[in-house]
N, C-alpha and C. Protein backbone atom coordinates (compact mmCIF):
# COMPACT_ATOMS: atom_id res chain seq x y z
N UNK A 1 -20.27 -33.23 24.96
CA UNK A 1 -19.89 -34.44 26.30
C UNK A 1 -21.27 -35.15 26.59
N UNK A 2 -20.91 -36.38 26.99
CA UNK A 2 -21.91 -37.48 27.28
C UNK A 2 -21.87 -37.77 28.86
N UNK A 3 -22.96 -38.03 29.33
CA UNK A 3 -22.86 -38.61 30.85
C UNK A 3 -22.07 -39.80 30.91
N UNK A 4 -22.25 -40.77 30.18
CA UNK A 4 -21.87 -42.08 30.24
C UNK A 4 -20.35 -41.90 29.68
N UNK A 5 -19.61 -40.94 29.26
CA UNK A 5 -18.28 -40.97 28.51
C UNK A 5 -17.26 -41.16 29.54
N UNK A 6 -16.28 -42.06 28.92
CA UNK A 6 -14.96 -42.25 29.70
C UNK A 6 -14.24 -41.02 30.32
N UNK A 7 -13.86 -41.14 31.36
CA UNK A 7 -13.20 -39.95 32.07
C UNK A 7 -11.71 -39.44 30.97
N UNK A 8 -11.20 -40.55 30.32
CA UNK A 8 -10.29 -40.36 29.53
C UNK A 8 -10.47 -39.63 28.29
N UNK A 9 -11.58 -40.02 27.66
CA UNK A 9 -11.96 -39.30 26.69
C UNK A 9 -12.65 -37.80 27.01
N UNK A 10 -13.17 -37.58 28.19
CA UNK A 10 -13.53 -36.15 28.41
C UNK A 10 -12.31 -35.40 28.81
N UNK A 11 -11.22 -35.85 29.31
CA UNK A 11 -10.04 -35.01 29.54
C UNK A 11 -9.40 -34.89 28.09
N UNK A 12 -9.41 -35.76 27.17
CA UNK A 12 -9.01 -35.41 25.84
C UNK A 12 -9.68 -34.31 25.31
N UNK A 13 -11.06 -34.37 25.01
CA UNK A 13 -11.76 -33.45 24.62
C UNK A 13 -11.28 -32.20 25.44
N UNK A 14 -11.42 -32.02 26.50
CA UNK A 14 -11.17 -30.80 27.33
C UNK A 14 -9.70 -30.03 27.04
N UNK A 15 -8.88 -31.12 26.96
CA UNK A 15 -7.47 -30.49 26.36
C UNK A 15 -7.48 -30.10 24.92
N UNK A 16 -8.32 -30.55 24.19
CA UNK A 16 -8.33 -30.10 22.69
C UNK A 16 -8.90 -28.90 22.61
N UNK A 17 -9.89 -28.75 23.35
CA UNK A 17 -10.59 -27.43 23.58
C UNK A 17 -9.73 -26.17 23.93
N UNK A 18 -8.79 -26.70 24.84
CA UNK A 18 -7.92 -25.70 25.62
C UNK A 18 -6.95 -25.35 24.34
N UNK A 19 -6.32 -26.31 23.73
CA UNK A 19 -5.38 -26.10 22.59
C UNK A 19 -5.94 -25.25 21.71
N UNK A 20 -7.20 -25.54 21.15
CA UNK A 20 -7.93 -24.48 20.18
C UNK A 20 -7.97 -23.21 20.76
N UNK A 21 -8.46 -22.91 21.94
CA UNK A 21 -8.65 -21.64 22.40
C UNK A 21 -7.18 -20.82 22.36
N UNK A 22 -6.33 -21.55 22.75
CA UNK A 22 -4.90 -20.83 22.76
C UNK A 22 -4.42 -20.49 21.33
N UNK A 23 -4.72 -21.52 20.20
CA UNK A 23 -4.27 -21.10 19.12
C UNK A 23 -4.85 -19.88 18.66
N UNK A 24 -6.17 -19.88 18.77
CA UNK A 24 -7.03 -18.72 18.31
C UNK A 24 -6.58 -17.52 19.03
N UNK A 25 -6.34 -17.50 20.50
CA UNK A 25 -5.57 -16.45 20.86
C UNK A 25 -4.47 -15.76 20.28
N UNK A 26 -3.39 -16.82 20.23
CA UNK A 26 -2.27 -16.32 19.63
C UNK A 26 -2.30 -15.75 18.32
N UNK A 27 -3.32 -16.39 17.37
CA UNK A 27 -3.41 -15.66 16.05
C UNK A 27 -4.01 -14.31 16.33
N UNK A 28 -4.98 -14.15 17.02
CA UNK A 28 -5.73 -12.82 17.07
C UNK A 28 -4.53 -11.82 17.92
N UNK A 29 -3.46 -12.29 18.74
CA UNK A 29 -2.82 -11.55 19.31
C UNK A 29 -1.58 -11.05 18.10
N UNK A 30 -1.40 -11.98 17.09
CA UNK A 30 -0.32 -11.73 16.00
C UNK A 30 -1.04 -10.81 15.21
N UNK A 31 -2.48 -11.03 14.69
CA UNK A 31 -3.06 -10.15 13.94
C UNK A 31 -3.15 -8.65 14.45
N UNK A 32 -3.50 -8.44 15.69
CA UNK A 32 -3.31 -7.06 16.64
C UNK A 32 -1.78 -6.45 16.39
N UNK A 33 -0.69 -7.47 16.65
CA UNK A 33 0.20 -6.78 16.44
C UNK A 33 0.71 -6.44 15.01
N UNK A 34 0.31 -7.02 14.02
CA UNK A 34 0.61 -6.76 12.62
C UNK A 34 -0.16 -5.57 12.20
N UNK A 35 -1.52 -5.53 12.61
CA UNK A 35 -2.48 -4.22 12.40
C UNK A 35 -1.52 -3.04 13.08
N UNK A 36 -1.20 -3.10 14.44
CA UNK A 36 -0.34 -2.13 14.99
C UNK A 36 0.76 -1.63 14.43
N UNK A 37 1.71 -2.44 13.72
CA UNK A 37 2.55 -2.28 12.94
C UNK A 37 2.22 -1.38 11.66
N UNK A 38 1.29 -1.82 11.03
CA UNK A 38 0.73 -1.16 9.69
C UNK A 38 0.35 0.22 9.92
N UNK A 39 -0.41 0.57 11.13
CA UNK A 39 -0.96 1.78 11.37
C UNK A 39 0.23 2.71 11.76
N UNK A 40 1.35 2.13 12.30
CA UNK A 40 2.20 3.19 12.77
C UNK A 40 3.53 3.12 11.72
N UNK A 41 3.39 2.73 10.62
CA UNK A 41 4.24 2.92 9.43
C UNK A 41 3.98 4.48 9.07
N UNK A 42 4.85 5.15 8.68
CA UNK A 42 4.87 6.55 8.26
C UNK A 42 4.70 6.66 6.83
N UNK A 43 4.81 5.67 6.05
CA UNK A 43 4.29 5.80 4.53
C UNK A 43 3.15 5.20 4.22
N UNK A 44 2.64 5.40 3.09
CA UNK A 44 1.24 4.71 2.71
C UNK A 44 1.56 3.42 2.43
N UNK A 45 0.91 2.24 2.75
CA UNK A 45 0.85 0.99 2.41
C UNK A 45 -0.57 0.67 2.03
N UNK A 46 -0.79 0.06 1.10
CA UNK A 46 -2.06 -0.85 0.82
C UNK A 46 -1.90 -2.14 0.10
N UNK A 47 -2.63 -3.04 -0.05
CA UNK A 47 -2.51 -4.12 -0.52
C UNK A 47 -3.55 -4.41 -1.67
N UNK A 48 -3.14 -5.24 -2.59
CA UNK A 48 -4.14 -5.60 -3.72
C UNK A 48 -4.27 -7.03 -4.05
N UNK A 49 -5.48 -7.62 -4.31
CA UNK A 49 -5.51 -8.90 -4.57
C UNK A 49 -4.68 -9.18 -5.81
N UNK A 50 -4.61 -10.32 -6.46
CA UNK A 50 -3.91 -10.74 -7.76
C UNK A 50 -4.55 -9.96 -9.06
N UNK A 51 -5.99 -9.55 -8.89
CA UNK A 51 -6.77 -8.77 -9.76
C UNK A 51 -6.60 -7.45 -9.66
N UNK A 52 -5.74 -6.82 -8.73
CA UNK A 52 -5.63 -5.34 -8.42
C UNK A 52 -6.56 -4.71 -7.85
N UNK A 53 -7.47 -5.53 -6.96
CA UNK A 53 -8.40 -4.88 -6.06
C UNK A 53 -7.94 -4.65 -4.73
N UNK A 54 -8.20 -3.44 -4.21
CA UNK A 54 -7.69 -2.94 -2.73
C UNK A 54 -8.23 -3.93 -1.77
N UNK A 55 -7.16 -4.47 -1.06
CA UNK A 55 -7.74 -5.51 0.18
C UNK A 55 -7.48 -4.58 1.42
N UNK A 56 -6.61 -3.94 1.74
CA UNK A 56 -6.18 -3.06 2.81
C UNK A 56 -5.46 -1.69 2.64
N UNK A 57 -5.55 -0.80 3.64
CA UNK A 57 -4.97 0.55 3.47
C UNK A 57 -4.53 1.17 4.75
N UNK A 58 -3.37 1.55 5.02
CA UNK A 58 -3.05 2.11 6.28
C UNK A 58 -3.71 3.24 6.39
N UNK A 59 -3.67 3.84 7.57
CA UNK A 59 -4.09 5.42 7.93
C UNK A 59 -3.04 6.42 7.20
N UNK A 60 -1.74 6.08 6.99
CA UNK A 60 -0.83 7.12 5.96
C UNK A 60 -1.35 7.21 4.72
N UNK A 61 -1.70 6.07 4.30
CA UNK A 61 -2.19 5.88 2.72
C UNK A 61 -3.48 6.81 2.85
N UNK A 62 -4.25 6.58 3.46
CA UNK A 62 -5.74 7.28 3.59
C UNK A 62 -5.39 8.86 3.60
N UNK A 63 -4.55 9.25 4.40
CA UNK A 63 -4.32 10.78 4.65
C UNK A 63 -3.71 11.38 3.43
N UNK A 64 -2.63 10.72 2.60
CA UNK A 64 -2.11 11.20 1.44
C UNK A 64 -3.22 11.26 0.28
N UNK A 65 -4.03 10.16 0.07
CA UNK A 65 -5.03 10.29 -0.66
C UNK A 65 -6.39 11.29 -0.44
N UNK A 66 -6.21 11.47 0.81
CA UNK A 66 -7.38 12.47 1.03
C UNK A 66 -8.59 11.72 1.42
N UNK A 67 -8.45 10.59 2.09
CA UNK A 67 -9.59 9.71 2.37
C UNK A 67 -9.89 9.70 4.02
N UNK A 68 -11.11 9.66 4.34
CA UNK A 68 -11.14 9.43 5.65
C UNK A 68 -11.58 8.04 6.30
N UNK A 69 -12.21 7.37 5.15
CA UNK A 69 -12.43 5.71 5.62
C UNK A 69 -11.91 5.00 4.31
N UNK A 70 -11.59 3.86 5.04
CA UNK A 70 -10.99 2.83 3.85
C UNK A 70 -12.23 1.85 2.78
N UNK A 71 -13.31 2.13 3.73
CA UNK A 71 -14.32 1.16 3.20
C UNK A 71 -14.94 1.41 1.67
N UNK A 72 -15.05 2.80 1.51
CA UNK A 72 -15.38 2.98 0.01
C UNK A 72 -14.49 2.68 -1.01
N UNK A 73 -13.07 2.35 -0.60
CA UNK A 73 -11.98 1.89 -1.68
C UNK A 73 -11.69 0.42 -1.69
N UNK A 74 -12.10 -0.34 -0.67
CA UNK A 74 -11.94 -1.80 -0.43
C UNK A 74 -12.75 -2.22 -1.55
N UNK A 75 -11.99 -3.26 -2.10
CA UNK A 75 -12.66 -4.18 -3.15
C UNK A 75 -12.77 -3.37 -4.68
N UNK A 76 -12.26 -2.11 -4.68
CA UNK A 76 -12.06 -1.25 -5.81
C UNK A 76 -10.80 -1.81 -6.58
N UNK A 77 -11.00 -1.42 -7.99
CA UNK A 77 -9.64 -1.40 -8.53
C UNK A 77 -8.69 -0.26 -8.18
N UNK A 78 -7.39 -0.58 -7.85
CA UNK A 78 -6.55 0.53 -7.32
C UNK A 78 -6.32 1.60 -8.51
N UNK A 79 -6.23 0.97 -9.66
CA UNK A 79 -5.85 1.78 -10.78
C UNK A 79 -7.12 2.70 -11.14
N UNK A 80 -8.30 2.08 -10.83
CA UNK A 80 -9.46 3.10 -11.10
C UNK A 80 -9.66 4.00 -10.08
N UNK A 81 -9.40 3.71 -8.98
CA UNK A 81 -9.74 4.37 -7.76
C UNK A 81 -8.77 5.80 -7.34
N UNK A 82 -7.64 5.62 -7.64
CA UNK A 82 -6.68 6.39 -7.01
C UNK A 82 -5.29 6.53 -8.08
N UNK A 83 -5.34 5.79 -9.15
CA UNK A 83 -4.05 6.12 -10.15
C UNK A 83 -4.37 7.00 -10.91
N UNK A 84 -3.70 7.94 -11.35
CA UNK A 84 -3.70 9.17 -12.18
C UNK A 84 -3.77 8.34 -13.79
N UNK A 85 -4.84 8.41 -14.17
CA UNK A 85 -4.83 7.88 -15.55
C UNK A 85 -4.43 8.73 -16.53
N UNK A 86 -3.48 8.62 -17.46
CA UNK A 86 -2.72 9.37 -18.44
C UNK A 86 -2.73 8.57 -19.61
N UNK A 87 -3.83 8.51 -20.44
CA UNK A 87 -3.80 7.68 -21.64
C UNK A 87 -2.78 7.92 -22.49
N UNK A 88 -2.09 9.29 -22.73
CA UNK A 88 -1.01 9.36 -23.55
C UNK A 88 0.33 9.31 -23.03
N UNK A 89 0.46 8.90 -21.71
CA UNK A 89 1.68 8.44 -21.15
C UNK A 89 2.34 7.22 -21.57
N UNK A 90 1.35 6.26 -21.79
CA UNK A 90 1.87 4.85 -22.12
C UNK A 90 1.46 3.93 -20.99
N UNK A 91 2.30 3.07 -20.60
CA UNK A 91 2.31 1.81 -19.87
C UNK A 91 2.07 2.33 -18.27
N UNK A 92 1.42 1.85 -17.37
CA UNK A 92 1.08 1.79 -16.09
C UNK A 92 1.96 0.53 -15.62
N UNK A 93 3.17 1.08 -15.30
CA UNK A 93 4.00 -0.51 -14.75
C UNK A 93 3.62 -0.76 -13.37
N UNK A 94 2.93 0.17 -12.61
CA UNK A 94 2.48 -0.34 -11.23
C UNK A 94 1.37 -1.25 -11.55
N UNK A 95 0.26 -1.08 -12.22
CA UNK A 95 -0.80 -1.87 -12.70
C UNK A 95 -0.45 -3.15 -13.39
N UNK A 96 0.63 -3.14 -14.10
CA UNK A 96 1.13 -4.32 -14.72
C UNK A 96 1.66 -5.15 -13.70
N UNK A 97 2.51 -4.88 -12.61
CA UNK A 97 3.14 -5.54 -11.62
C UNK A 97 2.05 -5.99 -10.77
N UNK A 98 0.94 -5.53 -10.70
CA UNK A 98 -0.03 -6.08 -9.74
C UNK A 98 -0.53 -7.63 -10.22
N UNK A 99 -0.67 -7.59 -11.54
CA UNK A 99 -1.00 -8.89 -11.95
C UNK A 99 0.05 -9.77 -12.41
N UNK A 100 1.39 -9.29 -12.60
CA UNK A 100 2.51 -10.12 -12.99
C UNK A 100 3.10 -10.64 -11.46
N UNK A 101 3.04 -9.98 -10.80
CA UNK A 101 3.56 -10.31 -9.29
C UNK A 101 5.00 -9.87 -9.40
N UNK A 102 5.66 -9.28 -10.22
CA UNK A 102 6.81 -8.98 -10.34
C UNK A 102 7.34 -7.82 -9.14
N UNK A 103 8.50 -7.84 -8.50
CA UNK A 103 8.95 -6.60 -7.71
C UNK A 103 9.03 -5.36 -8.34
N UNK A 104 8.65 -4.52 -8.00
CA UNK A 104 8.79 -2.79 -8.53
C UNK A 104 9.42 -1.86 -7.45
N UNK A 105 10.53 -1.55 -7.78
CA UNK A 105 11.10 -0.49 -6.68
C UNK A 105 11.34 0.75 -7.34
N UNK A 106 11.25 1.78 -6.27
CA UNK A 106 11.43 3.08 -6.66
C UNK A 106 10.85 3.62 -8.09
N UNK A 107 9.44 3.13 -8.19
CA UNK A 107 8.73 3.68 -9.58
C UNK A 107 7.94 5.04 -8.96
N UNK A 108 8.27 5.95 -9.88
CA UNK A 108 7.66 7.37 -9.86
C UNK A 108 6.39 7.38 -10.60
N UNK A 109 5.18 7.48 -9.98
CA UNK A 109 4.07 7.73 -10.69
C UNK A 109 3.14 8.87 -10.12
N UNK A 110 1.83 8.91 -10.18
CA UNK A 110 0.91 9.97 -9.58
C UNK A 110 -0.17 9.10 -9.31
N UNK A 111 -0.65 9.56 -8.08
CA UNK A 111 -1.98 8.94 -7.57
C UNK A 111 -2.98 10.19 -7.48
N UNK A 112 -3.95 10.04 -7.43
CA UNK A 112 -5.04 10.96 -7.73
C UNK A 112 -5.68 11.30 -6.06
N UNK A 113 -5.68 12.42 -5.66
CA UNK A 113 -6.20 12.80 -4.31
C UNK A 113 -7.80 12.82 -4.38
N UNK A 114 -8.38 12.74 -3.28
CA UNK A 114 -9.84 12.65 -3.41
C UNK A 114 -10.46 13.88 -3.99
N UNK A 115 -9.41 15.01 -3.88
CA UNK A 115 -10.09 16.42 -4.57
C UNK A 115 -9.74 16.58 -5.93
N UNK A 116 -9.05 15.33 -6.72
CA UNK A 116 -8.65 15.43 -8.06
C UNK A 116 -7.22 15.74 -8.26
N UNK A 117 -6.80 16.50 -7.29
CA UNK A 117 -5.44 16.84 -7.71
C UNK A 117 -4.34 15.80 -7.71
N UNK A 118 -3.38 15.84 -8.53
CA UNK A 118 -2.59 14.70 -8.82
C UNK A 118 -1.28 14.88 -7.90
N UNK A 119 -0.86 13.70 -7.35
CA UNK A 119 0.22 13.75 -6.11
C UNK A 119 1.27 13.12 -6.83
N UNK A 120 2.52 13.40 -6.75
CA UNK A 120 3.75 12.78 -7.22
C UNK A 120 4.08 11.60 -6.03
N UNK A 121 4.21 10.34 -6.34
CA UNK A 121 4.52 9.35 -5.25
C UNK A 121 5.71 8.65 -5.82
N UNK A 122 6.29 7.94 -4.99
CA UNK A 122 7.44 6.97 -5.03
C UNK A 122 6.97 5.81 -4.66
N UNK A 123 6.83 4.57 -5.44
CA UNK A 123 6.19 3.32 -5.04
C UNK A 123 7.25 2.27 -4.93
N UNK A 124 6.94 1.42 -4.22
CA UNK A 124 7.64 0.17 -3.86
C UNK A 124 6.55 -1.01 -4.16
N UNK A 125 6.75 -2.04 -4.85
CA UNK A 125 5.76 -3.13 -4.87
C UNK A 125 6.40 -4.39 -4.59
N UNK A 126 5.77 -5.26 -3.60
CA UNK A 126 6.39 -6.42 -3.10
C UNK A 126 5.17 -7.47 -3.54
N UNK A 127 5.61 -8.65 -4.06
CA UNK A 127 4.53 -9.71 -4.32
C UNK A 127 4.39 -10.14 -2.98
N UNK A 128 2.99 -10.51 -2.71
CA UNK A 128 2.69 -11.34 -1.58
C UNK A 128 2.29 -12.69 -2.03
N UNK A 129 3.16 -13.76 -1.42
CA UNK A 129 2.84 -15.13 -1.84
C UNK A 129 2.48 -15.76 -0.61
N UNK A 130 1.60 -16.64 -0.76
CA UNK A 130 1.23 -17.68 0.50
C UNK A 130 1.38 -18.88 0.10
N UNK A 131 2.03 -19.89 0.73
CA UNK A 131 2.40 -21.04 0.30
C UNK A 131 3.09 -21.56 -1.21
N UNK A 132 3.69 -20.25 -1.84
CA UNK A 132 4.40 -20.52 -3.05
C UNK A 132 3.47 -19.89 -4.07
N UNK A 133 2.00 -19.40 -3.72
CA UNK A 133 0.93 -19.17 -4.69
C UNK A 133 0.90 -17.67 -4.57
N UNK A 134 0.93 -16.82 -5.65
CA UNK A 134 0.87 -15.40 -5.56
C UNK A 134 -0.63 -15.04 -5.09
N UNK A 135 -0.69 -14.38 -3.95
CA UNK A 135 -1.88 -13.80 -3.38
C UNK A 135 -2.36 -12.50 -3.71
N UNK A 136 -1.28 -11.50 -4.22
CA UNK A 136 -1.43 -10.29 -4.38
C UNK A 136 -0.29 -9.68 -4.23
N UNK A 137 -0.49 -8.18 -3.97
CA UNK A 137 0.90 -7.42 -3.80
C UNK A 137 0.83 -6.40 -2.76
N UNK A 138 1.85 -6.21 -2.19
CA UNK A 138 1.82 -4.98 -1.02
C UNK A 138 2.63 -3.55 -1.61
N UNK A 139 1.93 -2.56 -1.41
CA UNK A 139 2.62 -1.38 -2.22
C UNK A 139 2.74 -0.52 -1.04
N UNK A 140 4.14 -0.13 -0.95
CA UNK A 140 4.43 1.03 0.02
C UNK A 140 4.79 2.33 -0.93
N UNK A 141 4.10 3.40 -0.43
CA UNK A 141 4.41 4.56 -1.40
C UNK A 141 4.50 5.94 -0.37
N UNK A 142 5.17 7.04 -0.91
CA UNK A 142 5.20 8.18 -0.02
C UNK A 142 5.07 9.55 -0.91
N UNK A 143 4.59 10.30 -0.57
CA UNK A 143 4.52 11.76 -1.46
C UNK A 143 5.48 12.14 -1.75
N UNK A 144 5.90 12.64 -2.79
CA UNK A 144 7.36 13.43 -3.05
C UNK A 144 6.99 14.61 -3.81
N UNK A 145 5.71 15.33 -3.35
CA UNK A 145 5.51 16.56 -3.94
C UNK A 145 6.65 17.61 -3.47
N UNK A 146 7.08 17.83 -2.30
CA UNK A 146 8.28 18.63 -1.84
C UNK A 146 9.31 18.29 -2.58
N UNK A 147 9.68 17.10 -2.64
CA UNK A 147 10.88 16.96 -3.63
C UNK A 147 11.12 17.39 -5.00
N UNK A 148 9.86 17.01 -5.54
CA UNK A 148 9.65 17.68 -6.86
C UNK A 148 9.40 18.88 -7.29
N UNK A 149 8.93 19.72 -6.13
CA UNK A 149 8.86 21.47 -6.20
C UNK A 149 10.44 21.50 -5.89
N UNK A 150 11.02 21.02 -5.18
CA UNK A 150 12.58 21.65 -4.91
C UNK A 150 13.57 21.33 -6.08
N UNK A 151 13.22 20.26 -6.83
CA UNK A 151 14.12 19.74 -8.03
C UNK A 151 13.69 20.80 -9.07
N UNK A 152 12.32 21.34 -9.47
CA UNK A 152 11.93 22.30 -10.34
C UNK A 152 12.62 23.55 -9.83
N UNK A 153 12.72 24.01 -8.72
CA UNK A 153 12.98 25.08 -8.35
C UNK A 153 14.46 25.34 -8.60
N UNK A 154 15.47 24.17 -8.19
CA UNK A 154 16.93 23.95 -8.30
C UNK A 154 16.93 23.96 -10.14
N UNK A 155 16.21 23.45 -11.05
CA UNK A 155 16.28 23.52 -12.26
C UNK A 155 16.21 24.84 -12.69
N UNK A 156 15.27 25.54 -12.30
CA UNK A 156 15.04 27.17 -12.82
C UNK A 156 16.24 27.82 -12.25
N UNK A 157 16.79 27.89 -11.02
CA UNK A 157 17.88 28.24 -10.64
C UNK A 157 19.06 28.04 -11.50
N UNK A 158 19.22 27.00 -12.12
CA UNK A 158 20.37 26.67 -12.75
C UNK A 158 20.27 27.52 -14.13
N UNK A 159 19.16 27.58 -14.36
CA UNK A 159 19.20 28.01 -16.03
C UNK A 159 18.40 29.59 -16.06
N UNK A 160 18.40 30.11 -15.01
CA UNK A 160 18.06 31.40 -15.03
C UNK A 160 18.86 32.53 -13.98
N UNK A 161 18.90 33.83 -14.35
CA UNK A 161 19.61 34.95 -13.56
C UNK A 161 18.84 35.13 -12.40
N UNK A 162 19.40 35.26 -11.18
CA UNK A 162 18.60 35.17 -9.95
C UNK A 162 18.10 36.72 -9.93
N UNK A 163 18.97 37.67 -10.50
CA UNK A 163 18.31 38.92 -10.19
C UNK A 163 17.24 39.29 -11.24
N UNK A 164 17.59 39.01 -12.64
CA UNK A 164 16.71 39.39 -13.50
C UNK A 164 15.73 38.54 -13.92
N UNK A 165 15.92 37.15 -13.64
CA UNK A 165 14.82 36.08 -14.04
C UNK A 165 14.90 35.80 -15.32
N UNK A 166 15.72 36.30 -15.94
CA UNK A 166 16.02 35.71 -17.46
C UNK A 166 17.11 34.74 -17.56
N UNK A 167 16.84 33.88 -18.95
CA UNK A 167 17.81 32.67 -18.84
C UNK A 167 19.08 33.14 -18.82
N UNK A 168 19.90 32.50 -18.33
CA UNK A 168 21.22 32.73 -18.20
C UNK A 168 22.23 32.02 -19.07
N UNK A 169 23.41 32.11 -19.15
CA UNK A 169 24.56 31.44 -20.39
C UNK A 169 24.12 30.07 -20.32
N UNK A 170 24.14 29.33 -19.11
CA UNK A 170 23.86 27.71 -19.01
C UNK A 170 22.58 27.42 -19.98
N UNK A 171 21.55 28.15 -19.81
CA UNK A 171 20.33 27.68 -20.52
C UNK A 171 20.83 27.62 -22.04
N UNK A 172 21.40 28.60 -22.34
CA UNK A 172 21.75 28.82 -23.86
C UNK A 172 22.79 27.90 -24.35
């Protein structure tokens, strides 16, 4: 602002600064709301850019993967950081979906816990588009260890005698 500036110009500049500050506050409030929602979601959620690098991860995802902080994972390739790599199994559809931007629902795969233990998970991938351009993907997943253990127990009960533990007629 200048000393000899007209009053109308001064008021216009002041009004512009006020609008700018209001927009900044609104954006920050929306960012805080979205961060709160992301943190309160019970399922693990993480995002990757179009190259498959991790961009964010919520606390539930950190807990499932046995991580205490997201910083070591940010910027790393998700498939190298926590996908359970099994060369003999074949294609990794989740990794392929990172690059293709195609939606993937109900995909069962395994993630690697920090301890090295493999965790069965059920994943859903949603492409993230901004102004019609693919910017990456958001992946929601949940640990299905309990479900897998129950399925195996039911499979065993269906094919074995409860009393003796030997194979039953259904098995043969």
